[in-house]
Amino acid sequence: MSTLQIIGAPQSNFVWVTRIVATEKGIPYELVSVMPHTPEVNAAHPLGKVPAMRHGDLVLGESRAISCYIDRAFAGPSLIPTDTAAAARTEQWVSIVCTHVDPLLVRQYVGAYFFPNTADGSPDRLRIDPIQDQMRVQFEQLEAAVSKTGYLAGEDFTLADAYLVPILFYLAQFPESSAMLRNAPHLERYLQRHMQRPSIKATTPPPMAALELRAAS
């Protein structure tokens, strides 16, 4: 069978998700490290975004579609529970992370550090300061979600955790968000523990240049 290719800059949190899934499944893959809207990406993703995937004649874009394909197409432990209710809870949190957490905490907040609209390239306070209250609310929600079991959905590592951990990894590197993380002890322990998970340690990206964060789900 053809080698699975995951296409996109490894520093993208969404590319990282697909690599975690492949590593959890124990399957070999080739990482094609390229930026969005490059020929390799445009050939695989209808919108030219990363991640994209190629497996034989199959090409896919969007991290959720890629993760679902990898999880179903290969043998090995699944990150989507077989129980219907547990699977629905996992999907609920994947959706929340993709549609609420990532747009605020990554696209707006982290983006204001790496893609500032400032003349001197300093952090964009006009984007950072107004969203602080919204950020605190999301940290409180995530803190409550992981406080019972140490996982985002249920009592085992699922696709929901694979989506959240890369975001928390980046948030721990910036002043306002790292302070919020320290004020959320369950969430901070959650990050510390899961960063030691073999699939996450094996796929943690190198330090990112600013342009390499420009990724989409």
C-alpha atoms as a PDB file:
ATOM      1  CA  MET A   1       0.000   0.000   0.000  1.00  0.00           C
ATOM      2  CA  SER A   2       1.166   3.533  -0.749  1.00  0.00           C
ATOM      3  CA  THR A   3       2.799   5.561   1.991  1.00  0.00           C
ATOM      4  CA  LEU A   4       0.520   8.024   3.724  1.00  0.00           C
ATOM      5  CA  GLN A   5       1.598  11.626   3.183  1.00  0.00           C
ATOM      6  CA  ILE A   6       0.640  14.401   5.599  1.00  0.00           C
ATOM      7  CA  ILE A   7       1.162  17.735   3.898  1.00  0.00           C
ATOM      8  CA  GLY A   8       1.748  20.983   5.770  1.00  0.00           C
ATOM      9  CA  ALA A   9       4.069  22.860   8.101  1.00  0.00           C
ATOM     10  CA  PRO A  10       4.586  20.830  11.298  1.00  0.00           C
ATOM     11  CA  GLN A  11       4.133  23.950  13.439  1.00  0.00           C
ATOM     12  CA  SER A  12       0.463  24.156  12.476  1.00  0.00           C
ATOM     13  CA  ASN A  13      -1.647  22.890  15.359  1.00  0.00           C
ATOM     14  CA  PHE A  14      -3.991  21.206  12.869  1.00  0.00           C
ATOM     15  CA  VAL A  15      -1.135  19.448  11.054  1.00  0.00           C
ATOM     16  CA  TRP A  16       0.092  18.329  14.470  1.00  0.00           C
ATOM     17  CA  VAL A  17      -3.311  16.762  15.202  1.00  0.00           C
ATOM     18  CA  THR A  18      -3.140  14.526  12.140  1.00  0.00           C
ATOM     19  CA  ARG A  19       0.389  13.453  13.027  1.00  0.00           C
ATOM     20  CA  ILE A  20      -0.707  12.557  16.566  1.00  0.00           C
ATOM     21  CA  VAL A  21      -3.505  10.414  15.122  1.00  0.00           C
ATOM     22  CA  ALA A  22      -1.157   8.608  12.734  1.00  0.00           C
ATOM     23  CA  THR A  23       1.353   7.995  15.530  1.00  0.00           C
ATOM     24  CA  GLU A  24      -1.350   6.730  17.884  1.00  0.00           C
ATOM     25  CA  LYS A  25      -2.348   4.255  15.166  1.00  0.00           C
ATOM     26  CA  GLY A  26       1.260   3.160  14.811  1.00  0.00           C
ATOM     27  CA  ILE A  27       1.433   3.741  11.057  1.00  0.00           C
ATOM     28  CA  PRO A  28       4.371   5.157   9.110  1.00  0.00           C
ATOM     29  CA  TYR A  29       3.813   8.374   7.203  1.00  0.00           C
ATOM     30  CA  GLU A  30       5.769  10.945   5.261  1.00  0.00           C
ATOM     31  CA  LEU A  31       5.548  14.554   6.414  1.00  0.00           C
ATOM     32  CA  VAL A  32       5.714  16.934   3.455  1.00  0.00           C
ATOM     33  CA  SER A  33       6.616  20.174   5.190  1.00  0.00           C
ATOM     34  CA  VAL A  34       5.230  22.980   3.041  1.00  0.00           C
ATOM     35  CA  MET A  35       3.297  26.180   3.529  1.00  0.00           C
ATOM     36  CA  PRO A  36      -0.356  26.759   2.585  1.00  0.00           C
ATOM     37  CA  HIS A  37      -1.138  27.692  -1.015  1.00  0.00           C
ATOM     38  CA  THR A  38       1.996  26.020  -2.348  1.00  0.00           C
ATOM     39  CA  PRO A  39       1.629  23.663  -5.333  1.00  0.00           C
ATOM     40  CA  GLU A  40       1.741  20.539  -3.135  1.00  0.00           C
ATOM     41  CA  VAL A  41      -1.077  21.847  -0.951  1.00  0.00           C
ATOM     42  CA  ASN A  42      -3.157  23.293  -3.775  1.00  0.00           C
ATOM     43  CA  ALA A  43      -3.127  19.895  -5.467  1.00  0.00           C
ATOM     44  CA  ALA A  44      -4.609  18.213  -2.394  1.00  0.00           C
ATOM     45  CA  HIS A  45      -6.823  20.770  -0.635  1.00  0.00           C
ATOM     46  CA  PRO A  46      -9.626  22.590  -2.466  1.00  0.00           C
ATOM     47  CA  LEU A  47      -8.803  25.824  -0.589  1.00  0.00           C
ATOM     48  CA  GLY A  48      -5.039  25.462  -0.529  1.00  0.00           C
ATOM     49  CA  LYS A  49      -4.956  25.125   3.268  1.00  0.00           C
ATOM     50  CA  VAL A  50      -3.055  22.775   5.557  1.00  0.00           C
ATOM     51  CA  PRO A  51      -3.147  20.032   6.519  1.00  0.00           C
ATOM     52  CA  ALA A  52      -3.706  18.061   3.384  1.00  0.00           C
ATOM     53  CA  MET A  53      -3.216  14.342   2.860  1.00  0.00           C
ATOM     54  CA  ARG A  54      -2.358  11.977   0.051  1.00  0.00           C
ATOM     55  CA  HIS A  55      -2.713   8.207   0.278  1.00  0.00           C
ATOM     56  CA  GLY A  56      -2.442   6.481  -3.049  1.00  0.00           C
ATOM     57  CA  ASP A  57      -5.123   7.988  -5.284  1.00  0.00           C
ATOM     58  CA  LEU A  58      -6.958   9.577  -2.357  1.00  0.00           C
ATOM     59  CA  VAL A  59      -6.323  13.237  -1.588  1.00  0.00           C
ATOM     60  CA  LEU A  60      -7.991  15.061   1.281  1.00  0.00           C
ATOM     61  CA  GLY A  61      -7.969  18.405   2.998  1.00  0.00           C
ATOM     62  CA  GLU A  62      -9.182  19.457   6.458  1.00  0.00           C
ATOM     63  CA  SER A  63      -7.797  17.996   9.658  1.00  0.00           C
ATOM     64  CA  ARG A  64     -11.104  16.457  10.749  1.00  0.00           C
ATOM     65  CA  ALA A  65     -11.530  14.555   7.487  1.00  0.00           C
ATOM     66  CA  ILE A  66      -7.899  13.429   7.501  1.00  0.00           C
ATOM     67  CA  SER A  67      -8.041  12.300  11.130  1.00  0.00           C
ATOM     68  CA  CYS A  68     -11.263  10.386  10.510  1.00  0.00           C
ATOM     69  CA  TYR A  69      -9.763   8.657   7.483  1.00  0.00           C
ATOM     70  CA  ILE A  70      -6.586   7.654   9.303  1.00  0.00           C
ATOM     71  CA  ASP A  71      -8.553   6.425  12.303  1.00  0.00           C
ATOM     72  CA  ARG A  72     -10.852   4.255  10.178  1.00  0.00           C
ATOM     73  CA  ALA A  73      -8.518   3.127   7.407  1.00  0.00           C
ATOM     74  CA  PHE A  74      -5.793   1.597   9.540  1.00  0.00           C
ATOM     75  CA  ALA A  75      -5.659  -1.029  12.256  1.00  0.00           C
ATOM     76  CA  GLY A  76      -4.713   0.015  15.746  1.00  0.00           C
ATOM     77  CA  PRO A  77      -6.373   1.784  18.659  1.00  0.00           C
ATOM     78  CA  SER A  78      -9.107   4.210  17.689  1.00  0.00           C
ATOM     79  CA  LEU A  79      -9.267   7.758  18.995  1.00  0.00           C
ATOM     80  CA  ILE A  80     -13.018   7.809  18.375  1.00  0.00           C
ATOM     81  CA  PRO A  81     -14.897   5.673  20.923  1.00  0.00           C
ATOM     82  CA  THR A  82     -17.103   2.872  19.626  1.00  0.00           C
ATOM     83  CA  ASP A  83     -19.833   3.676  22.145  1.00  0.00           C
ATOM     84  CA  THR A  84     -22.317   5.994  20.461  1.00  0.00           C
ATOM     85  CA  ALA A  85     -22.686   8.423  23.359  1.00  0.00           C
ATOM     86  CA  ALA A  86     -18.935   8.555  23.986  1.00  0.00           C
ATOM     87  CA  ALA A  87     -18.297   9.142  20.287  1.00  0.00           C
ATOM     88  CA  ALA A  88     -20.809  11.985  20.309  1.00  0.00           C
ATOM     89  CA  ARG A  89     -19.145  13.595  23.331  1.00  0.00           C
ATOM     90  CA  THR A  90     -15.791  13.346  21.580  1.00  0.00           C
ATOM     91  CA  GLU A  91     -17.211  14.947  18.459  1.00  0.00           C
ATOM     92  CA  GLN A  92     -18.814  17.675  20.575  1.00  0.00           C
ATOM     93  CA  TRP A  93     -15.440  18.683  21.992  1.00  0.00           C
ATOM     94  CA  VAL A  94     -13.655  18.432  18.653  1.00  0.00           C
ATOM     95  CA  SER A  95     -16.256  20.823  17.285  1.00  0.00           C
ATOM     96  CA  ILE A  96     -15.910  23.206  20.239  1.00  0.00           C
ATOM     97  CA  VAL A  97     -12.129  23.281  19.903  1.00  0.00           C
ATOM     98  CA  CYS A  98     -12.286  23.880  16.149  1.00  0.00           C
ATOM     99  CA  THR A  99     -15.094  26.435  16.069  1.00  0.00           C
ATOM    100  CA  HIS A 100     -14.608  28.336  19.341  1.00  0.00           C
ATOM    101  CA  VAL A 101     -11.261  27.661  21.011  1.00  0.00           C
ATOM    102  CA  ASP A 102      -8.997  27.782  17.969  1.00  0.00           C
ATOM    103  CA  PRO A 103     -10.541  30.908  16.386  1.00  0.00           C
ATOM    104  CA  LEU A 104     -10.103  32.913  19.589  1.00  0.00           C
ATOM    105  CA  LEU A 105      -6.990  31.505  21.220  1.00  0.00           C
ATOM    106  CA  VAL A 106      -4.938  30.677  18.126  1.00  0.00           C
ATOM    107  CA  ARG A 107      -6.180  32.737  15.170  1.00  0.00           C
ATOM    108  CA  GLN A 108      -6.759  35.914  17.196  1.00  0.00           C
ATOM    109  CA  TYR A 109      -4.503  35.729  20.245  1.00  0.00           C
ATOM    110  CA  VAL A 110      -1.468  33.744  19.085  1.00  0.00           C
ATOM    111  CA  GLY A 111      -1.833  35.339  15.677  1.00  0.00           C
ATOM    112  CA  ALA A 112      -1.473  38.771  17.267  1.00  0.00           C
ATOM    113  CA  TYR A 113       2.028  37.762  18.368  1.00  0.00           C
ATOM    114  CA  PHE A 114       3.128  36.069  15.156  1.00  0.00           C
ATOM    115  CA  PHE A 115       1.247  38.181  12.608  1.00  0.00           C
ATOM    116  CA  PRO A 116       0.927  41.589  14.270  1.00  0.00           C
ATOM    117  CA  ASN A 117      -0.539  44.537  12.411  1.00  0.00           C
ATOM    118  CA  THR A 118       2.084  46.813  13.888  1.00  0.00           C
ATOM    119  CA  ALA A 119       4.703  48.897  12.164  1.00  0.00           C
ATOM    120  CA  ASP A 120       7.566  47.530  14.259  1.00  0.00           C
ATOM    121  CA  GLY A 121       6.376  43.915  14.469  1.00  0.00           C
ATOM    122  CA  SER A 122       5.631  44.144  18.184  1.00  0.00           C
ATOM    123  CA  PRO A 123       2.664  42.198  19.640  1.00  0.00           C
ATOM    124  CA  ASP A 124      -0.613  43.645  18.422  1.00  0.00           C
ATOM    125  CA  ARG A 125      -2.175  44.960  21.619  1.00  0.00           C
ATOM    126  CA  LEU A 126      -5.228  46.180  19.739  1.00  0.00           C
ATOM    127  CA  ARG A 127      -6.029  42.530  19.061  1.00  0.00           C
ATOM    128  CA  ILE A 128      -4.750  41.047  22.320  1.00  0.00           C
ATOM    129  CA  ASP A 129      -6.226  43.327  24.978  1.00  0.00           C
ATOM    130  CA  PRO A 130      -9.926  43.321  23.983  1.00  0.00           C
ATOM    131  CA  ILE A 131     -10.217  39.513  24.075  1.00  0.00           C
ATOM    132  CA  GLN A 132      -8.777  38.870  27.529  1.00  0.00           C
ATOM    133  CA  ASP A 133     -12.161  38.346  29.198  1.00  0.00           C
ATOM    134  CA  GLN A 134     -13.258  35.954  26.455  1.00  0.00           C
ATOM    135  CA  MET A 135     -10.017  34.038  26.862  1.00  0.00           C
ATOM    136  CA  ARG A 136     -10.547  33.680  30.619  1.00  0.00           C
ATOM    137  CA  VAL A 137     -14.017  32.268  30.011  1.00  0.00           C
ATOM    138  CA  GLN A 138     -12.620  29.635  27.661  1.00  0.00           C
ATOM    139  CA  PHE A 139      -9.870  28.694  30.112  1.00  0.00           C
ATOM    140  CA  GLU A 140     -12.503  28.278  32.828  1.00  0.00           C
ATOM    141  CA  GLN A 141     -14.599  26.064  30.559  1.00  0.00           C
ATOM    142  CA  LEU A 142     -11.638  23.876  29.636  1.00  0.00           C
ATOM    143  CA  GLU A 143     -10.522  23.696  33.262  1.00  0.00           C
ATOM    144  CA  ALA A 144     -13.953  22.385  34.242  1.00  0.00           C
ATOM    145  CA  ALA A 145     -14.008  19.928  31.341  1.00  0.00           C
ATOM    146  CA  VAL A 146     -10.740  18.172  32.240  1.00  0.00           C
ATOM    147  CA  SER A 147     -11.071  18.380  36.027  1.00  0.00           C
ATOM    148  CA  LYS A 148     -12.982  15.110  36.507  1.00  0.00           C
ATOM    149  CA  THR A 149     -10.980  12.586  34.507  1.00  0.00           C
ATOM    150  CA  GLY A 150      -7.925  14.372  33.136  1.00  0.00           C
ATOM    151  CA  TYR A 151      -9.288  13.995  29.611  1.00  0.00           C
ATOM    152  CA  LEU A 152     -11.469  16.313  27.562  1.00  0.00           C
ATOM    153  CA  ALA A 153     -14.098  13.719  26.677  1.00  0.00           C
ATOM    154  CA  GLY A 154     -14.530  10.623  28.812  1.00  0.00           C
ATOM    155  CA  GLU A 155     -11.856   8.610  30.579  1.00  0.00           C
ATOM    156  CA  ASP A 156      -9.365   7.944  27.786  1.00  0.00           C
ATOM    157  CA  PHE A 157      -7.270   9.887  25.300  1.00  0.00           C
ATOM    158  CA  THR A 158      -9.464  10.697  22.295  1.00  0.00           C
ATOM    159  CA  LEU A 159      -9.411  12.807  19.180  1.00  0.00           C
ATOM    160  CA  ALA A 160     -10.679  15.698  21.308  1.00  0.00           C
ATOM    161  CA  ASP A 161      -7.458  15.647  23.337  1.00  0.00           C
ATOM    162  CA  ALA A 162      -5.393  15.423  20.155  1.00  0.00           C
ATOM    163  CA  TYR A 163      -7.007  18.677  19.071  1.00  0.00           C
ATOM    164  CA  LEU A 164      -6.623  20.508  22.382  1.00  0.00           C
ATOM    165  CA  VAL A 165      -3.084  19.646  23.490  1.00  0.00           C
ATOM    166  CA  PRO A 166      -1.284  21.388  20.575  1.00  0.00           C
ATOM    167  CA  ILE A 167      -3.241  24.581  21.258  1.00  0.00           C
ATOM    168  CA  LEU A 168      -2.368  24.514  24.957  1.00  0.00           C
ATOM    169  CA  PHE A 169       1.275  23.887  24.065  1.00  0.00           C
ATOM    170  CA  TYR A 170       1.392  27.179  22.182  1.00  0.00           C
ATOM    171  CA  LEU A 171      -0.641  29.075  24.770  1.00  0.00           C
ATOM    172  CA  ALA A 172       1.885  28.108  27.444  1.00  0.00           C
ATOM    173  CA  GLN A 173       4.474  30.190  25.569  1.00  0.00           C
ATOM    174  CA  PHE A 174       2.793  33.609  25.763  1.00  0.00           C
ATOM    175  CA  PRO A 175       2.427  35.856  28.799  1.00  0.00           C
ATOM    176  CA  GLU A 176      -1.310  36.367  29.176  1.00  0.00           C
ATOM    177  CA  SER A 177      -2.307  32.837  28.246  1.00  0.00           C
ATOM    178  CA  SER A 178       0.448  31.199  30.313  1.00  0.00           C
ATOM    179  CA  ALA A 179      -0.775  33.151  33.356  1.00  0.00           C
ATOM    180  CA  MET A 180      -4.315  31.931  32.699  1.00  0.00           C
ATOM    181  CA  LEU A 181      -3.015  28.400  32.398  1.00  0.00           C
ATOM    182  CA  ARG A 182      -1.272  28.659  35.769  1.00  0.00           C
ATOM    183  CA  ASN A 183      -4.591  29.757  37.252  1.00  0.00           C
ATOM    184  CA  ALA A 184      -6.248  26.611  35.871  1.00  0.00           C
ATOM    185  CA  PRO A 185      -4.432  23.858  37.811  1.00  0.00           C
ATOM    186  CA  HIS A 186      -6.306  20.911  36.323  1.00  0.00           C
ATOM    187  CA  LEU A 187      -5.722  22.199  32.815  1.00  0.00           C
ATOM    188  CA  GLU A 188      -2.051  22.888  33.512  1.00  0.00           C
ATOM    189  CA  ARG A 189      -1.559  19.333  34.829  1.00  0.00           C
ATOM    190  CA  TYR A 190      -3.508  18.027  31.854  1.00  0.00           C
ATOM    191  CA  LEU A 191      -1.051  19.703  29.482  1.00  0.00           C
ATOM    192  CA  GLN A 192       2.031  18.598  31.413  1.00  0.00           C
ATOM    193  CA  ARG A 193       0.850  14.990  31.533  1.00  0.00           C
ATOM    194  CA  HIS A 194      -0.191  14.719  27.909  1.00  0.00           C
ATOM    195  CA  MET A 195       2.979  16.375  26.647  1.00  0.00           C
ATOM    196  CA  GLN A 196       4.695  13.224  27.937  1.00  0.00           C
ATOM    197  CA  ARG A 197       2.443  10.958  25.885  1.00  0.00           C
ATOM    198  CA  PRO A 198       4.632   9.118  23.319  1.00  0.00           C
ATOM    199  CA  SER A 199       2.573  10.194  20.304  1.00  0.00           C
ATOM    200  CA  ILE A 200       2.784  13.837  21.343  1.00  0.00           C
ATOM    201  CA  LYS A 201       6.466  13.764  22.278  1.00  0.00           C
ATOM    202  CA  ALA A 202       7.258  12.133  18.938  1.00  0.00           C
ATOM    203  CA  THR A 203       5.405  14.782  16.934  1.00  0.00           C
ATOM    204  CA  THR A 204       6.144  17.998  18.870  1.00  0.00           C
ATOM    205  CA  PRO A 205       7.259  20.449  16.180  1.00  0.00           C
ATOM    206  CA  PRO A 206      10.474  22.442  16.221  1.00  0.00           C
ATOM    207  CA  PRO A 207      10.275  26.125  17.144  1.00  0.00           C
ATOM    208  CA  MET A 208       8.214  27.935  14.590  1.00  0.00           C
ATOM    209  CA  ALA A 209       9.113  30.801  12.373  1.00  0.00           C
ATOM    210  CA  ALA A 210       6.299  33.302  12.201  1.00  0.00           C
ATOM    211  CA  LEU A 211       5.163  32.415   8.701  1.00  0.00           C
ATOM    212  CA  GLU A 212       4.962  28.718   9.504  1.00  0.00           C
ATOM    213  CA  LEU A 213       1.983  29.167  11.795  1.00  0.00           C
ATOM    214  CA  ARG A 214      -0.246  30.286   8.936  1.00  0.00           C
ATOM    215  CA  ALA A 215      -2.369  27.134   8.869  1.00  0.00           C
ATOM    216  CA  ALA A 216      -6.025  26.338   8.615  1.00  0.00           C
ATOM    217  CA  SER A 217      -8.165  23.429   9.708  1.00  0.00           C
END
